Amino acid sequence: MRYEIRVTDGLDGSWSAWFDGMEITTEAGGVTLIAGDVTDQAALHGLLARVRDLALPLLSVQRIGPPYGDRAG
C-alpha cells in the first residue's frame, strides 16, 4: 500500500535512505511529506518508530492507495 506521513519539521530529501527510500518533500508551512510504498503493517510501524526516534511532531498518516506500480490507468 502507498502511504503519506506528514510531520512538522524540515527534513530534506537526504533523509530518504533513513526512511527506506521513501520520497521526502517539503510542503508549505514547514510540513514534511514522507510518501511511498509500504510492504506491510510491520514496515509502517518501523517508519513511525523512526519518526518517533527523531522526535518529529506527527501530523498525519494516510493510506492513499495501492503501490504506484499497481494502479490501473
PDB file of N, CA and C in Angstrom:
ATOM      1  N   MET A   1       0.834  -1.179   0.000  1.00  0.00           N
ATOM      2  CA  MET A   1       0.000   0.000   0.000  1.00  0.00           C
ATOM      3  C   MET A   1       0.887   1.253   0.000  1.00  0.00           C
ATOM      4  N   ARG A   2       0.339   2.309  -0.508  1.00  0.00           N
ATOM      5  CA  ARG A   2       1.047   3.589  -0.542  1.00  0.00           C
ATOM      6  C   ARG A   2       0.557   4.449   0.621  1.00  0.00           C
ATOM      7  N   TYR A   3       1.505   5.071   1.321  1.00  0.00           N
ATOM      8  CA  TYR A   3       1.191   5.891   2.486  1.00  0.00           C
ATOM      9  C   TYR A   3       1.821   7.266   2.366  1.00  0.00           C
ATOM     10  N   GLU A   4       1.186   8.239   3.033  1.00  0.00           N
ATOM     11  CA  GLU A   4       1.746   9.566   3.215  1.00  0.00           C
ATOM     12  C   GLU A   4       1.811   9.840   4.711  1.00  0.00           C
ATOM     13  N   ILE A   5       2.980  10.236   5.168  1.00  0.00           N
ATOM     14  CA  ILE A   5       3.194  10.598   6.566  1.00  0.00           C
ATOM     15  C   ILE A   5       3.610  12.065   6.572  1.00  0.00           C
ATOM     16  N   ARG A   6       2.886  12.875   7.329  1.00  0.00           N
ATOM     17  CA  ARG A   6       3.223  14.302   7.428  1.00  0.00           C
ATOM     18  C   ARG A   6       3.720  14.610   8.833  1.00  0.00           C
ATOM     19  N   VAL A   7       4.839  15.344   8.875  1.00  0.00           N
ATOM     20  CA  VAL A   7       5.439  15.764  10.138  1.00  0.00           C
ATOM     21  C   VAL A   7       5.729  17.260  10.063  1.00  0.00           C
ATOM     22  N   THR A   8       5.902  17.876  11.224  1.00  0.00           N
ATOM     23  CA  THR A   8       6.163  19.324  11.239  1.00  0.00           C
ATOM     24  C   THR A   8       7.621  19.585  11.565  1.00  0.00           C
ATOM     25  N   ASP A   9       8.474  19.219  10.654  1.00  0.00           N
ATOM     26  CA  ASP A   9       9.881  19.527  10.805  1.00  0.00           C
ATOM     27  C   ASP A   9      10.515  19.535   9.430  1.00  0.00           C
ATOM     28  N   GLY A  10      11.596  20.225   9.293  1.00  0.00           N
ATOM     29  CA  GLY A  10      12.198  20.456   7.992  1.00  0.00           C
ATOM     30  C   GLY A  10      13.182  19.392   7.529  1.00  0.00           C
ATOM     31  N   LEU A  11      12.725  18.168   7.351  1.00  0.00           N
ATOM     32  CA  LEU A  11      13.595  17.159   6.741  1.00  0.00           C
ATOM     33  C   LEU A  11      13.741  17.468   5.260  1.00  0.00           C
ATOM     34  N   ASP A  12      14.858  17.057   4.683  1.00  0.00           N
ATOM     35  CA  ASP A  12      15.013  17.199   3.245  1.00  0.00           C
ATOM     36  C   ASP A  12      15.207  15.814   2.632  1.00  0.00           C
ATOM     37  N   GLY A  13      15.371  15.780   1.340  1.00  0.00           N
ATOM     38  CA  GLY A  13      15.479  14.521   0.610  1.00  0.00           C
ATOM     39  C   GLY A  13      16.634  13.635   1.026  1.00  0.00           C
ATOM     40  N   SER A  14      17.628  14.199   1.691  1.00  0.00           N
ATOM     41  CA  SER A  14      18.773  13.392   2.112  1.00  0.00           C
ATOM     42  C   SER A  14      18.385  12.355   3.175  1.00  0.00           C
ATOM     43  N   TRP A  15      17.218  12.495   3.782  1.00  0.00           N
ATOM     44  CA  TRP A  15      16.740  11.545   4.788  1.00  0.00           C
ATOM     45  C   TRP A  15      16.040  10.340   4.159  1.00  0.00           C
ATOM     46  N   SER A  16      15.931  10.304   2.848  1.00  0.00           N
ATOM     47  CA  SER A  16      15.209   9.235   2.170  1.00  0.00           C
ATOM     48  C   SER A  16      15.727   7.842   2.545  1.00  0.00           C
ATOM     49  N   ALA A  17      17.027   7.656   2.581  1.00  0.00           N
ATOM     50  CA  ALA A  17      17.591   6.344   2.922  1.00  0.00           C
ATOM     51  C   ALA A  17      17.197   5.930   4.337  1.00  0.00           C
ATOM     52  N   TRP A  18      17.174   6.876   5.268  1.00  0.00           N
ATOM     53  CA  TRP A  18      16.780   6.599   6.659  1.00  0.00           C
ATOM     54  C   TRP A  18      15.338   6.077   6.719  1.00  0.00           C
ATOM     55  N   PHE A  19      14.501   6.565   5.783  1.00  0.00           N
ATOM     56  CA  PHE A  19      13.102   6.155   5.723  1.00  0.00           C
ATOM     57  C   PHE A  19      12.860   5.140   4.600  1.00  0.00           C
ATOM     58  N   ASP A  20      13.783   4.211   4.431  1.00  0.00           N
ATOM     59  CA  ASP A  20      13.645   3.089   3.487  1.00  0.00           C
ATOM     60  C   ASP A  20      13.325   3.511   2.065  1.00  0.00           C
ATOM     61  N   GLY A  21      13.929   4.605   1.615  1.00  0.00           N
ATOM     62  CA  GLY A  21      13.758   5.042   0.233  1.00  0.00           C
ATOM     63  C   GLY A  21      12.468   5.786  -0.054  1.00  0.00           C
ATOM     64  N   MET A  22      11.745   6.171   0.976  1.00  0.00           N
ATOM     65  CA  MET A  22      10.507   6.930   0.773  1.00  0.00           C
ATOM     66  C   MET A  22      10.854   8.300   0.177  1.00  0.00           C
ATOM     67  N   GLU A  23       9.903   8.875  -0.562  1.00  0.00           N
ATOM     68  CA  GLU A  23      10.076  10.219  -1.114  1.00  0.00           C
ATOM     69  C   GLU A  23       9.853  11.234   0.006  1.00  0.00           C
ATOM     70  N   ILE A  24      10.739  12.206   0.098  1.00  0.00           N
ATOM     71  CA  ILE A  24      10.609  13.234   1.127  1.00  0.00           C
ATOM     72  C   ILE A  24      10.567  14.590   0.454  1.00  0.00           C
ATOM     73  N   THR A  25       9.484  15.317   0.690  1.00  0.00           N
ATOM     74  CA  THR A  25       9.321  16.649   0.110  1.00  0.00           C
ATOM     75  C   THR A  25       8.847  17.613   1.194  1.00  0.00           C
ATOM     76  N   THR A  26       9.138  18.889   0.967  1.00  0.00           N
ATOM     77  CA  THR A  26       8.719  19.925   1.902  1.00  0.00           C
ATOM     78  C   THR A  26       7.507  20.638   1.334  1.00  0.00           C
ATOM     79  N   GLU A  27       6.487  20.765   2.160  1.00  0.00           N
ATOM     80  CA  GLU A  27       5.269  21.472   1.777  1.00  0.00           C
ATOM     81  C   GLU A  27       5.258  22.847   2.441  1.00  0.00           C
ATOM     82  N   ALA A  28       4.287  23.638   2.100  1.00  0.00           N
ATOM     83  CA  ALA A  28       4.143  24.971   2.685  1.00  0.00           C
ATOM     84  C   ALA A  28       4.006  24.881   4.202  1.00  0.00           C
ATOM     85  N   GLY A  29       4.512  25.874   4.880  1.00  0.00           N
ATOM     86  CA  GLY A  29       4.369  25.961   6.324  1.00  0.00           C
ATOM     87  C   GLY A  29       5.303  25.059   7.105  1.00  0.00           C
ATOM     88  N   GLY A  30       6.357  24.581   6.463  1.00  0.00           N
ATOM     89  CA  GLY A  30       7.327  23.751   7.163  1.00  0.00           C
ATOM     90  C   GLY A  30       6.902  22.317   7.384  1.00  0.00           C
ATOM     91  N   VAL A  31       5.902  21.852   6.654  1.00  0.00           N
ATOM     92  CA  VAL A  31       5.444  20.471   6.761  1.00  0.00           C
ATOM     93  C   VAL A  31       6.276  19.605   5.833  1.00  0.00           C
ATOM     94  N   THR A  32       6.728  18.462   6.355  1.00  0.00           N
ATOM     95  CA  THR A  32       7.472  17.499   5.556  1.00  0.00           C
ATOM     96  C   THR A  32       6.569  16.319   5.236  1.00  0.00           C
ATOM     97  N   LEU A  33       6.537  15.943   3.952  1.00  0.00           N
ATOM     98  CA  LEU A  33       5.764  14.796   3.490  1.00  0.00           C
ATOM     99  C   LEU A  33       6.719  13.644   3.215  1.00  0.00           C
ATOM    100  N   ILE A  34       6.447  12.514   3.841  1.00  0.00           N
ATOM    101  CA  ILE A  34       7.192  11.281   3.625  1.00  0.00           C
ATOM    102  C   ILE A  34       6.212  10.331   2.952  1.00  0.00           C
ATOM    103  N   ALA A  35       6.459   9.968   1.696  1.00  0.00           N
ATOM    104  CA  ALA A  35       5.474   9.193   0.939  1.00  0.00           C
ATOM    105  C   ALA A  35       6.139   8.056   0.182  1.00  0.00           C
ATOM    106  N   GLY A  36       5.390   6.978   0.047  1.00  0.00           N
ATOM    107  CA  GLY A  36       5.879   5.855  -0.741  1.00  0.00           C
ATOM    108  C   GLY A  36       5.164   4.569  -0.403  1.00  0.00           C
ATOM    109  N   ASP A  37       5.620   3.503  -1.037  1.00  0.00           N
ATOM    110  CA  ASP A  37       5.029   2.189  -0.846  1.00  0.00           C
ATOM    111  C   ASP A  37       5.543   1.569   0.449  1.00  0.00           C
ATOM    112  N   VAL A  38       4.632   0.953   1.182  1.00  0.00           N
ATOM    113  CA  VAL A  38       4.955   0.282   2.429  1.00  0.00           C
ATOM    114  C   VAL A  38       4.483  -1.163   2.282  1.00  0.00           C
ATOM    115  N   THR A  39       5.378  -2.109   2.497  1.00  0.00           N
ATOM    116  CA  THR A  39       5.071  -3.511   2.211  1.00  0.00           C
ATOM    117  C   THR A  39       4.019  -4.115   3.122  1.00  0.00           C
ATOM    118  N   ASP A  40       4.033  -3.749   4.407  1.00  0.00           N
ATOM    119  CA  ASP A  40       3.074  -4.327   5.350  1.00  0.00           C
ATOM    120  C   ASP A  40       3.004  -3.465   6.605  1.00  0.00           C
ATOM    121  N   GLN A  41       2.172  -3.877   7.535  1.00  0.00           N
ATOM    122  CA  GLN A  41       1.985  -3.098   8.756  1.00  0.00           C
ATOM    123  C   GLN A  41       3.259  -3.015   9.587  1.00  0.00           C
ATOM    124  N   ALA A  42       4.051  -4.069   9.600  1.00  0.00           N
ATOM    125  CA  ALA A  42       5.307  -4.042  10.351  1.00  0.00           C
ATOM    126  C   ALA A  42       6.238  -2.964   9.796  1.00  0.00           C
ATOM    127  N   ALA A  43       6.297  -2.835   8.472  1.00  0.00           N
ATOM    128  CA  ALA A  43       7.135  -1.805   7.857  1.00  0.00           C
ATOM    129  C   ALA A  43       6.604  -0.411   8.189  1.00  0.00           C
ATOM    130  N   LEU A  44       5.287  -0.247   8.203  1.00  0.00           N
ATOM    131  CA  LEU A  44       4.693   1.038   8.568  1.00  0.00           C
ATOM    132  C   LEU A  44       5.047   1.396  10.012  1.00  0.00           C
ATOM    133  N   HIS A  45       4.947   0.428  10.902  1.00  0.00           N
ATOM    134  CA  HIS A  45       5.294   0.687  12.304  1.00  0.00           C
ATOM    135  C   HIS A  45       6.778   1.043  12.431  1.00  0.00           C
ATOM    136  N   GLY A  46       7.624   0.435  11.604  1.00  0.00           N
ATOM    137  CA  GLY A  46       9.050   0.773  11.606  1.00  0.00           C
ATOM    138  C   GLY A  46       9.285   2.213  11.188  1.00  0.00           C
ATOM    139  N   LEU A  47       8.561   2.661  10.166  1.00  0.00           N
ATOM    140  CA  LEU A  47       8.686   4.054   9.723  1.00  0.00           C
ATOM    141  C   LEU A  47       8.219   5.016  10.808  1.00  0.00           C
ATOM    142  N   LEU A  48       7.111   4.670  11.451  1.00  0.00           N
ATOM    143  CA  LEU A  48       6.593   5.529  12.517  1.00  0.00           C
ATOM    144  C   LEU A  48       7.537   5.550  13.714  1.00  0.00           C
ATOM    145  N   ALA A  49       8.218   4.446  13.971  1.00  0.00           N
ATOM    146  CA  ALA A  49       9.210   4.417  15.050  1.00  0.00           C
ATOM    147  C   ALA A  49      10.371   5.352  14.725  1.00  0.00           C
ATOM    148  N   ARG A  50      10.728   5.452  13.447  1.00  0.00           N
ATOM    149  CA  ARG A  50      11.807   6.375  13.059  1.00  0.00           C
ATOM    150  C   ARG A  50      11.379   7.828  13.236  1.00  0.00           C
ATOM    151  N   VAL A  51      10.115   8.104  12.925  1.00  0.00           N
ATOM    152  CA  VAL A  51       9.582   9.445  13.182  1.00  0.00           C
ATOM    153  C   VAL A  51       9.693   9.743  14.672  1.00  0.00           C
ATOM    154  N   ARG A  52       9.292   8.789  15.494  1.00  0.00           N
ATOM    155  CA  ARG A  52       9.377   8.948  16.950  1.00  0.00           C
ATOM    156  C   ARG A  52      10.819   9.127  17.406  1.00  0.00           C
ATOM    157  N   ASP A  53      11.729   8.306  16.873  1.00  0.00           N
ATOM    158  CA  ASP A  53      13.141   8.368  17.279  1.00  0.00           C
ATOM    159  C   ASP A  53      13.767   9.723  16.981  1.00  0.00           C
ATOM    160  N   LEU A  54      13.290  10.388  15.925  1.00  0.00           N
ATOM    161  CA  LEU A  54      13.794  11.721  15.579  1.00  0.00           C
ATOM    162  C   LEU A  54      13.017  12.824  16.293  1.00  0.00           C
ATOM    163  N   ALA A  55      12.046  12.438  17.116  1.00  0.00           N
ATOM    164  CA  ALA A  55      11.202  13.384  17.859  1.00  0.00           C
ATOM    165  C   ALA A  55      10.503  14.367  16.927  1.00  0.00           C
ATOM    166  N   LEU A  56      10.053  13.861  15.764  1.00  0.00           N
ATOM    167  CA  LEU A  56       9.332  14.706  14.814  1.00  0.00           C
ATOM    168  C   LEU A  56       7.863  14.768  15.202  1.00  0.00           C
ATOM    169  N   PRO A  57       7.293  15.958  15.289  1.00  0.00           N
ATOM    170  CA  PRO A  57       5.865  16.060  15.579  1.00  0.00           C
ATOM    171  C   PRO A  57       5.045  15.467  14.424  1.00  0.00           C
ATOM    172  N   LEU A  58       4.274  14.427  14.708  1.00  0.00           N
ATOM    173  CA  LEU A  58       3.478  13.721  13.703  1.00  0.00           C
ATOM    174  C   LEU A  58       2.160  14.450  13.475  1.00  0.00           C
ATOM    175  N   LEU A  59       1.884  14.794  12.214  1.00  0.00           N
ATOM    176  CA  LEU A  59       0.623  15.447  11.864  1.00  0.00           C
ATOM    177  C   LEU A  59      -0.422  14.457  11.379  1.00  0.00           C
ATOM    178  N   SER A  60      -0.003  13.554  10.471  1.00  0.00           N
ATOM    179  CA  SER A  60      -0.977  12.608   9.927  1.00  0.00           C
ATOM    180  C   SER A  60      -0.279  11.419   9.280  1.00  0.00           C
ATOM    181  N   VAL A  61      -1.031  10.331   9.211  1.00  0.00           N
ATOM    182  CA  VAL A  61      -0.638   9.137   8.468  1.00  0.00           C
ATOM    183  C   VAL A  61      -1.856   8.769   7.642  1.00  0.00           C
ATOM    184  N   GLN A  62      -1.658   8.642   6.328  1.00  0.00           N
ATOM    185  CA  GLN A  62      -2.793   8.374   5.465  1.00  0.00           C
ATOM    186  C   GLN A  62      -2.439   7.324   4.427  1.00  0.00           C
ATOM    187  N   ARG A  63      -3.277   6.303   4.334  1.00  0.00           N
ATOM    188  CA  ARG A  63      -3.135   5.329   3.244  1.00  0.00           C
ATOM    189  C   ARG A  63      -3.794   5.939   2.026  1.00  0.00           C
ATOM    190  N   ILE A  64      -3.051   6.010   0.926  1.00  0.00           N
ATOM    191  CA  ILE A  64      -3.601   6.690  -0.257  1.00  0.00           C
ATOM    192  C   ILE A  64      -3.856   5.750  -1.417  1.00  0.00           C
ATOM    193  N   GLY A  65      -3.625   4.456  -1.248  1.00  0.00           N
ATOM    194  CA  GLY A  65      -3.958   3.530  -2.302  1.00  0.00           C
ATOM    195  C   GLY A  65      -2.935   2.432  -2.462  1.00  0.00           C
ATOM    196  N   PRO A  66      -3.102   1.677  -3.528  1.00  0.00           N
ATOM    197  CA  PRO A  66      -2.180   0.575  -3.793  1.00  0.00           C
ATOM    198  C   PRO A  66      -0.791   1.091  -4.180  1.00  0.00           C
ATOM    199  N   PRO A  67       0.205   0.220  -4.209  1.00  0.00           N
ATOM    200  CA  PRO A  67       1.543   0.658  -4.651  1.00  0.00           C
ATOM    201  C   PRO A  67       1.460   1.311  -6.024  1.00  0.00           C
ATOM    202  N   TYR A  68       2.362   2.225  -6.282  1.00  0.00           N
ATOM    203  CA  TYR A  68       2.362   3.012  -7.523  1.00  0.00           C
ATOM    204  C   TYR A  68       2.274   2.119  -8.762  1.00  0.00           C
ATOM    205  N   GLY A  69       3.040   1.046  -8.800  1.00  0.00           N
ATOM    206  CA  GLY A  69       3.070   0.162  -9.968  1.00  0.00           C
ATOM    207  C   GLY A  69       1.803  -0.628 -10.167  1.00  0.00           C
ATOM    208  N   ASP A  70       0.911  -0.706  -9.160  1.00  0.00           N
ATOM    209  CA  ASP A  70      -0.305  -1.483  -9.250  1.00  0.00           C
ATOM    210  C   ASP A  70      -1.519  -0.668  -9.637  1.00  0.00           C
ATOM    211  N   ARG A  71      -1.349   0.618  -9.861  1.00  0.00           N
ATOM    212  CA  ARG A  71      -2.502   1.466 -10.188  1.00  0.00           C
ATOM    213  C   ARG A  71      -2.956   1.237 -11.622  1.00  0.00           C
ATOM    214  N   ALA A  72      -4.236   1.150 -11.787  1.00  0.00           N
ATOM    215  CA  ALA A  72      -4.800   0.992 -13.130  1.00  0.00           C
ATOM    216  C   ALA A  72      -4.756   2.319 -13.855  1.00  0.00           C
ATOM    217  N   GLY A  73      -4.672   2.256 -15.144  1.00  0.00           N
ATOM    218  CA  GLY A  73      -4.739   3.507 -15.866  1.00  0.00           C
ATOM    219  C   GLY A  73      -3.763   3.559 -16.910  1.00  0.00           C
TER     220      GLY A  73
END
